[in-house]
Amino acid sequence: MKKKIKDLWFDAEGKAVEYGKLEFFKFLSKLVHTAAMLILCVIVFTVYCLNELFLYVKEKLQRKQDVEELDEYSAREETILPDKVEPGEIDKVDRVRKWM
């Protein structure tokens, strides 16, 4: 019984190698490989798009919160204002520009 199973196994293996050399199976192998690569690319693209969408929404929400926290007359943190401006040093237009 074992010998018969071994013979069947090796006969099937020989047939598989024989059919594997046919052009149809080479074409089928390339087709399966292409389909697998397409699925992999679609998955990676979807994950990348979701990540970018998440970052965009997060940035928009952060900007909205920053704008709501600033009132109309407060200066931004990156703006450096002078401590004191003497009245005679700068003409009126430059003084207004400096404080704006």
Protein backbone atom coordinates (compact mmCIF):
# COMPACT_ATOMS: atom_id res chain seq x y z
CA MET A 1 0.00 0.00 0.00
CA LYS A 2 2.84 2.41 0.88
CA LYS A 3 4.59 1.61 -2.37
CA LYS A 4 1.42 2.32 -4.34
CA ILE A 5 0.96 5.69 -2.59
CA LYS A 6 4.59 6.60 -3.28
CA ASP A 7 4.21 5.65 -6.94
CA LEU A 8 1.04 7.72 -7.24
CA TRP A 9 2.77 10.65 -5.55
CA PHE A 10 5.74 10.61 -7.89
CA ASP A 11 3.54 10.11 -10.95
CA ALA A 12 1.47 13.14 -9.92
CA GLU A 13 4.66 15.12 -9.36
CA GLY A 14 5.91 14.17 -12.82
CA LYS A 15 2.61 15.23 -14.40
CA ALA A 16 2.76 18.54 -12.49
CA VAL A 17 6.25 19.24 -13.83
CA GLU A 18 5.12 18.26 -17.32
CA TYR A 19 2.06 20.54 -17.19
CA GLY A 20 4.15 23.28 -15.59
CA LYS A 21 6.22 23.51 -18.77
CA LEU A 22 3.16 24.33 -20.90
CA GLU A 23 2.65 27.95 -21.97
CA PHE A 24 -0.86 28.04 -20.48
CA PHE A 25 0.45 27.39 -16.95
CA LYS A 26 3.22 29.96 -17.37
CA PHE A 27 0.59 32.49 -18.41
CA LEU A 28 -1.65 31.47 -15.50
CA SER A 29 1.28 31.82 -13.08
CA LYS A 30 2.03 35.36 -14.34
CA LEU A 31 -1.66 36.25 -14.11
CA VAL A 32 -1.87 35.11 -10.47
CA HIS A 33 1.34 37.00 -9.66
CA THR A 34 -0.03 40.19 -11.27
CA ALA A 35 -3.33 39.88 -9.39
CA ALA A 36 -1.49 39.44 -6.08
CA MET A 37 0.68 42.50 -6.76
CA LEU A 38 -2.40 44.55 -7.71
CA ILE A 39 -4.16 43.61 -4.48
CA LEU A 40 -1.04 44.47 -2.47
CA CYS A 41 -0.73 47.86 -4.20
CA VAL A 42 -4.40 48.68 -3.59
CA ILE A 43 -4.03 47.84 0.11
CA VAL A 44 -0.91 50.01 0.50
CA PHE A 45 -2.55 52.88 -1.42
CA THR A 46 -5.66 52.70 0.76
CA VAL A 47 -3.63 52.76 3.98
CA TYR A 48 -1.58 55.70 2.70
CA CYS A 49 -4.73 57.65 1.72
CA LEU A 50 -6.36 57.02 5.08
CA ASN A 51 -3.21 58.20 6.86
CA GLU A 52 -3.09 61.41 4.79
CA LEU A 53 -6.80 62.02 5.37
CA PHE A 54 -6.35 61.57 9.12
CA LEU A 55 -3.43 64.03 9.18
CA TYR A 56 -5.40 66.57 7.12
CA VAL A 57 -8.44 66.40 9.42
CA LYS A 58 -6.21 66.63 12.49
CA GLU A 59 -4.47 69.73 11.09
CA LYS A 60 -7.78 71.40 10.24
CA LEU A 61 -9.17 70.77 13.73
CA GLN A 62 -5.97 72.11 15.30
CA ARG A 63 -6.15 75.30 13.20
CA LYS A 64 -9.78 75.77 14.14
CA GLN A 65 -8.95 75.45 17.84
CA ASP A 66 -6.01 77.86 17.50
CA VAL A 67 -8.21 80.48 15.83
CA GLU A 68 -10.90 80.11 18.47
CA GLU A 69 -8.37 80.56 21.28
CA LEU A 70 -6.95 83.81 19.87
CA ASP A 71 -9.06 86.86 20.46
CA GLU A 72 -9.25 89.80 18.11
CA TYR A 73 -6.61 91.98 19.75
CA SER A 74 -3.98 89.53 20.96
CA ALA A 75 -0.65 89.23 19.20
CA ARG A 76 0.65 85.93 17.95
CA GLU A 77 3.52 84.29 19.81
CA GLU A 78 5.99 84.69 16.95
CA THR A 79 5.44 88.50 16.82
CA ILE A 80 8.08 90.41 18.78
CA LEU A 81 6.88 93.77 20.02
CA PRO A 82 9.21 96.49 21.31
CA ASP A 83 9.07 97.25 25.01
CA LYS A 84 8.87 101.00 24.69
CA VAL A 85 8.81 103.48 21.84
CA GLU A 86 9.78 107.04 22.56
CA PRO A 87 7.47 109.62 20.98
CA GLY A 88 10.19 111.57 19.22
CA GLU A 89 12.12 108.62 17.78
CA ILE A 90 9.77 107.35 15.07
CA ASP A 91 7.30 109.21 12.89
CA LYS A 92 3.61 108.42 13.30
CA VAL A 93 3.26 106.06 10.33
CA ASP A 94 6.22 103.90 11.36
CA ARG A 95 5.01 103.86 14.97
CA VAL A 96 1.60 102.55 13.85
CA ARG A 97 3.22 99.95 11.59
CA LYS A 98 5.49 98.80 14.41
CA TRP A 99 2.58 98.22 16.76
CA MET A 100 0.39 96.50 14.18
